[in-house]
């Protein structure tokens, strides 16, 4: 077993390590650090495959490690964030007493982990779906994780007030949770950001997306992150419906 063949696996494990740290910070309401470590995990997730292809050491072990690491970083971490947001929306961070009928509604924050279940199903399906080699079907779990992880930062640093500590907030968060799990597993073809050649014509869609994404982040900061993910899905739908037929 050569050291070179294990470099991609080590990078994958760094992704998993970052995901574990993000979960710890999420439970401590340190949302910025949680977001940062999920971003770091996604960074490592991108480069493990890059080095595996570069060194020509792709393996079944690497494929399974990648999915398991993503399950933590892009599955469990955003589930914890949604749990915390739902819990806070009820105006309580106390331990939930599920034996009291008055507090039975407080079990609802656990529905935030529907995101985790959706991510798990998508990752398992991705491993056996031969259609997703050059593009994606359904929102990739890292993109979904960025969307969910950015929500508490949007609440904290932007003037958007659609999420407040009331029942309406809880409904909005539950809708986001259900839609998140659905979009990850929906039969929606999404273009890949992988650039396999350097011709402008074949990468026009990706370059256009990156340019608009940069502008959204610069002008809207944290709010730009969920806007980028929404733009990615909408651009893919437009591309599938109109541009490919042109």
Protein backbone atom coordinates (compact mmCIF):
# COMPACT_ATOMS: atom_id res chain seq x y z
CA UNK A 1 0.00 0.00 0.00
CA UNK A 2 1.72 3.18 -1.21
CA UNK A 3 1.49 6.51 0.59
CA UNK A 4 0.37 8.17 -2.65
CA UNK A 5 -2.66 5.91 -2.90
CA UNK A 6 -3.77 6.98 0.59
CA UNK A 7 -3.52 10.75 0.04
CA UNK A 8 -7.10 11.04 -1.29
CA UNK A 9 -8.39 8.97 1.63
CA UNK A 10 -6.56 11.19 4.12
CA UNK A 11 -8.15 14.25 2.53
CA UNK A 12 -11.55 12.56 2.79
CA UNK A 13 -10.95 11.91 6.48
CA UNK A 14 -10.10 15.60 6.91
CA UNK A 15 -13.55 16.31 5.48
CA UNK A 16 -15.04 14.02 8.13
CA UNK A 17 -12.95 15.67 10.86
CA UNK A 18 -14.20 19.11 9.85
CA UNK A 19 -17.77 17.83 9.90
CA UNK A 20 -17.36 16.54 13.45
CA UNK A 21 -15.98 19.90 14.60
CA UNK A 22 -18.84 21.72 12.86
CA UNK A 23 -21.39 19.62 14.75
CA UNK A 24 -19.77 20.47 18.09
CA UNK A 25 -19.90 24.19 17.29
CA UNK A 26 -23.48 23.89 16.05
CA UNK A 27 -24.61 22.45 19.39
CA UNK A 28 -22.86 25.35 21.12
CA UNK A 29 -24.67 27.90 18.93
CA UNK A 30 -21.36 28.97 17.39
CA UNK A 31 -22.87 29.19 13.92
CA UNK A 32 -20.01 31.03 12.23
CA UNK A 33 -17.47 28.40 13.26
CA UNK A 34 -19.89 25.62 12.29
CA UNK A 35 -20.33 27.20 8.86
CA UNK A 36 -16.57 27.66 8.45
CA UNK A 37 -15.77 24.02 9.21
CA UNK A 38 -18.50 22.76 6.90
CA UNK A 39 -16.97 24.93 4.18
CA UNK A 40 -13.57 23.42 4.96
CA UNK A 41 -15.07 19.95 4.79
CA UNK A 42 -16.61 20.69 1.40
CA UNK A 43 -13.23 22.04 0.26
CA UNK A 44 -11.57 18.74 1.20
CA UNK A 45 -14.47 16.85 -0.39
CA UNK A 46 -13.70 18.52 -3.72
CA UNK A 47 -9.99 17.82 -3.62
CA UNK A 48 -10.09 14.17 -2.54
CA UNK A 49 -11.60 13.27 -5.90
CA UNK A 50 -9.23 15.63 -7.69
CA UNK A 51 -6.15 13.94 -6.24
CA UNK A 52 -7.64 10.48 -6.74
CA UNK A 53 -7.96 11.24 -10.46
CA UNK A 54 -4.58 12.98 -10.57
CA UNK A 55 -2.75 10.03 -9.03
CA UNK A 56 -5.03 7.49 -10.76
CA UNK A 57 -5.80 5.79 -7.46
CA UNK A 58 -9.62 5.73 -7.53
CA UNK A 59 -10.92 2.87 -5.43
CA UNK A 60 -14.12 1.43 -4.00
CA UNK A 61 -12.79 2.22 -0.52
CA UNK A 62 -12.38 5.87 -1.47
CA UNK A 63 -15.93 5.98 -2.82
CA UNK A 64 -17.38 4.60 0.40
CA UNK A 65 -15.22 6.86 2.59
CA UNK A 66 -16.34 9.87 0.60
CA UNK A 67 -20.02 9.12 1.16
CA UNK A 68 -19.54 8.44 4.86
CA UNK A 69 -17.63 11.69 5.34
CA UNK A 70 -20.26 13.63 3.39
CA UNK A 71 -22.95 12.06 5.54
CA UNK A 72 -21.47 13.80 8.59
CA UNK A 73 -20.39 17.10 7.06
CA UNK A 74 -23.28 17.61 4.64
CA UNK A 75 -25.93 15.50 6.37
CA UNK A 76 -25.68 15.52 10.16
CA UNK A 77 -24.26 19.05 10.54
CA UNK A 78 -27.09 20.83 8.66
CA UNK A 79 -29.61 18.62 10.47
CA UNK A 80 -28.23 19.84 13.80
CA UNK A 81 -28.41 23.45 12.60
CA UNK A 82 -32.06 23.06 11.62
CA UNK A 83 -32.79 21.35 14.96
CA UNK A 84 -31.25 24.32 16.77
CA UNK A 85 -33.16 26.85 14.68
CA UNK A 86 -36.46 25.07 15.25
CA UNK A 87 -35.74 24.78 18.95
CA UNK A 88 -34.94 28.47 19.18
CA UNK A 89 -38.05 29.37 17.20
CA UNK A 90 -40.12 27.92 20.01
CA UNK A 91 -38.37 30.30 22.39
CA UNK A 92 -36.73 27.56 24.45
CA UNK A 93 -33.37 25.86 24.61
CA UNK A 94 -34.26 23.70 27.59
CA UNK A 95 -34.34 19.93 27.62
CA UNK A 96 -37.54 18.70 26.01
CA UNK A 97 -39.99 16.86 28.26
CA UNK A 98 -41.74 14.51 25.84
CA UNK A 99 -43.82 13.02 28.66
CA UNK A 100 -45.79 16.21 29.12
CA UNK A 101 -48.70 16.83 26.74
CA UNK A 102 -48.13 20.59 27.06
CA UNK A 103 -44.60 20.15 25.77
CA UNK A 104 -45.40 17.52 23.16
CA UNK A 105 -45.23 20.13 20.40
CA UNK A 106 -41.60 20.68 21.39
CA UNK A 107 -40.74 17.35 19.80
CA UNK A 108 -41.13 19.09 16.42
CA UNK A 109 -37.54 20.47 16.37
CA UNK A 110 -36.36 16.89 15.84
CA UNK A 111 -38.00 17.08 12.41
CA UNK A 112 -35.00 19.16 11.43
CA UNK A 113 -33.17 15.87 11.02
CA UNK A 114 -35.35 15.13 8.00
CA UNK A 115 -32.53 16.96 6.22
CA UNK A 116 -30.10 14.32 7.51
CA UNK A 117 -32.38 11.51 6.32
CA UNK A 118 -32.72 13.12 2.91
CA UNK A 119 -28.95 13.52 2.62
CA UNK A 120 -28.40 9.89 3.59
CA UNK A 121 -30.82 8.65 0.94
CA UNK A 122 -29.29 10.89 -1.72
CA UNK A 123 -25.71 9.77 -0.95
CA UNK A 124 -26.68 6.11 -1.07
CA UNK A 125 -28.57 6.61 -4.32
CA UNK A 126 -25.70 8.59 -5.84
CA UNK A 127 -23.32 5.66 -5.36
CA UNK A 128 -25.46 3.36 -7.49
CA UNK A 129 -26.82 5.88 -10.01
CA UNK A 130 -24.75 5.63 -13.20
CA UNK A 131 -26.43 8.72 -14.68
CA UNK A 132 -24.58 11.15 -12.40
CA UNK A 133 -21.08 11.03 -13.85
CA UNK A 134 -20.93 14.40 -15.64
CA UNK A 135 -23.92 16.08 -14.02
CA UNK A 136 -26.19 15.72 -11.00
CA UNK A 137 -29.77 14.63 -10.48
CA UNK A 138 -31.09 16.39 -7.43
CA UNK A 139 -29.25 18.98 -5.36
CA UNK A 140 -25.83 17.70 -4.17
CA UNK A 141 -25.56 17.39 -0.41
CA UNK A 142 -22.69 19.93 -0.08
CA UNK A 143 -24.79 22.61 -1.82
CA UNK A 144 -27.74 21.82 0.40
CA UNK A 145 -25.49 21.94 3.48
CA UNK A 146 -24.25 25.42 2.54
CA UNK A 147 -27.85 26.58 2.15
CA UNK A 148 -28.91 25.29 5.58
CA UNK A 149 -25.71 26.28 7.39
CA UNK A 150 -26.06 29.85 6.12
CA UNK A 151 -29.57 30.36 7.54
CA UNK A 152 -28.58 31.33 11.11
CA UNK A 153 -25.95 33.70 9.69
CA UNK A 154 -28.57 35.30 7.44
CA UNK A 155 -30.78 35.78 10.48
CA UNK A 156 -27.95 37.27 12.52
CA UNK A 157 -26.25 39.53 10.00
CA UNK A 158 -28.88 40.57 7.48
CA UNK A 159 -31.96 42.73 7.75
CA UNK A 160 -34.17 39.85 6.65
CA UNK A 161 -36.82 39.22 9.30
CA UNK A 162 -38.79 36.35 7.80
CA UNK A 163 -37.42 34.12 10.58
CA UNK A 164 -38.33 35.24 14.08
CA UNK A 165 -39.10 33.47 17.34
CA UNK A 166 -42.77 32.65 16.71
CA UNK A 167 -44.99 29.94 15.30
CA UNK A 168 -44.81 31.41 11.80
CA UNK A 169 -41.03 31.04 11.93
CA UNK A 170 -41.36 27.37 12.83
CA UNK A 171 -43.63 26.76 9.86
CA UNK A 172 -41.18 28.46 7.50
CA UNK A 173 -38.30 26.37 8.85
CA UNK A 174 -40.30 23.14 8.54
CA UNK A 175 -41.18 24.00 4.94
CA UNK A 176 -37.49 24.65 4.21
CA UNK A 177 -36.63 21.32 5.85
CA UNK A 178 -39.09 19.33 3.75
CA UNK A 179 -38.14 21.13 0.53
CA UNK A 180 -34.46 20.56 1.31
CA UNK A 181 -34.91 16.79 1.60
CA UNK A 182 -37.10 16.75 -1.50
CA UNK A 183 -34.80 18.78 -3.78
CA UNK A 184 -31.82 16.58 -2.87
CA UNK A 185 -33.69 13.54 -4.16
CA UNK A 186 -35.87 15.06 -6.89
CA UNK A 187 -35.41 14.07 -10.53
CA UNK A 188 -34.04 17.49 -11.40
CA UNK A 189 -30.95 17.44 -13.65
CA UNK A 190 -28.36 19.97 -12.44
CA UNK A 191 -25.22 20.93 -14.30
CA UNK A 192 -21.82 20.14 -12.84
CA UNK A 193 -19.26 22.81 -11.99
CA UNK A 194 -16.39 20.56 -13.04
CA UNK A 195 -14.35 22.13 -15.84
CA UNK A 196 -12.84 19.34 -17.92
CA UNK A 197 -11.43 21.55 -20.66
CA UNK A 198 -10.57 25.21 -21.02
CA UNK A 199 -12.71 26.19 -24.00
CA UNK A 200 -14.96 29.17 -23.31
CA UNK A 201 -17.89 27.82 -25.30
CA UNK A 202 -18.17 24.52 -23.42
CA UNK A 203 -17.81 26.22 -20.02
CA UNK A 204 -19.99 29.28 -20.67
CA UNK A 205 -22.76 28.10 -18.32
CA UNK A 206 -20.36 27.35 -15.47
CA UNK A 207 -18.50 30.64 -15.88
CA UNK A 208 -21.75 32.61 -16.00
CA UNK A 209 -22.91 30.90 -12.82
CA UNK A 210 -19.62 31.60 -11.03
CA UNK A 211 -19.72 35.26 -12.05
CA UNK A 212 -23.28 35.80 -10.82
CA UNK A 213 -22.49 33.84 -7.63
CA UNK A 214 -19.52 36.09 -6.91
CA UNK A 215 -21.67 39.18 -7.35
CA UNK A 216 -24.37 37.78 -5.06
CA UNK A 217 -21.82 37.05 -2.32
CA UNK A 218 -20.16 40.48 -2.66
CA UNK A 219 -23.43 42.44 -2.55
CA UNK A 220 -25.50 40.31 -0.16
CA UNK A 221 -22.78 38.61 1.96
CA UNK A 222 -24.35 35.76 3.96
CA UNK A 223 -27.72 36.21 2.30
CA UNK A 224 -25.94 35.65 -0.99
CA UNK A 225 -25.18 32.02 -0.07
CA UNK A 226 -28.77 30.70 -0.15
CA UNK A 227 -29.40 32.96 -3.15
CA UNK A 228 -26.51 31.27 -4.97
CA UNK A 229 -27.97 27.81 -4.28
CA UNK A 230 -31.42 28.90 -5.46
CA UNK A 231 -29.87 30.46 -8.56
CA UNK A 232 -28.00 27.21 -9.25
CA UNK A 233 -31.23 25.21 -9.24
CA UNK A 234 -33.16 27.76 -11.31
CA UNK A 235 -30.35 28.12 -13.85
CA UNK A 236 -30.22 24.34 -14.22
CA UNK A 237 -33.98 24.20 -14.82
CA UNK A 238 -33.73 26.98 -17.42
CA UNK A 239 -30.78 25.24 -19.04
CA UNK A 240 -32.65 21.93 -19.24
CA UNK A 241 -35.88 23.49 -20.48
CA UNK A 242 -34.72 26.12 -22.94
CA UNK A 243 -30.98 26.31 -23.59
CA UNK A 244 -30.41 22.65 -24.41
CA UNK A 245 -33.28 22.71 -26.89
CA UNK A 246 -31.95 25.79 -28.64
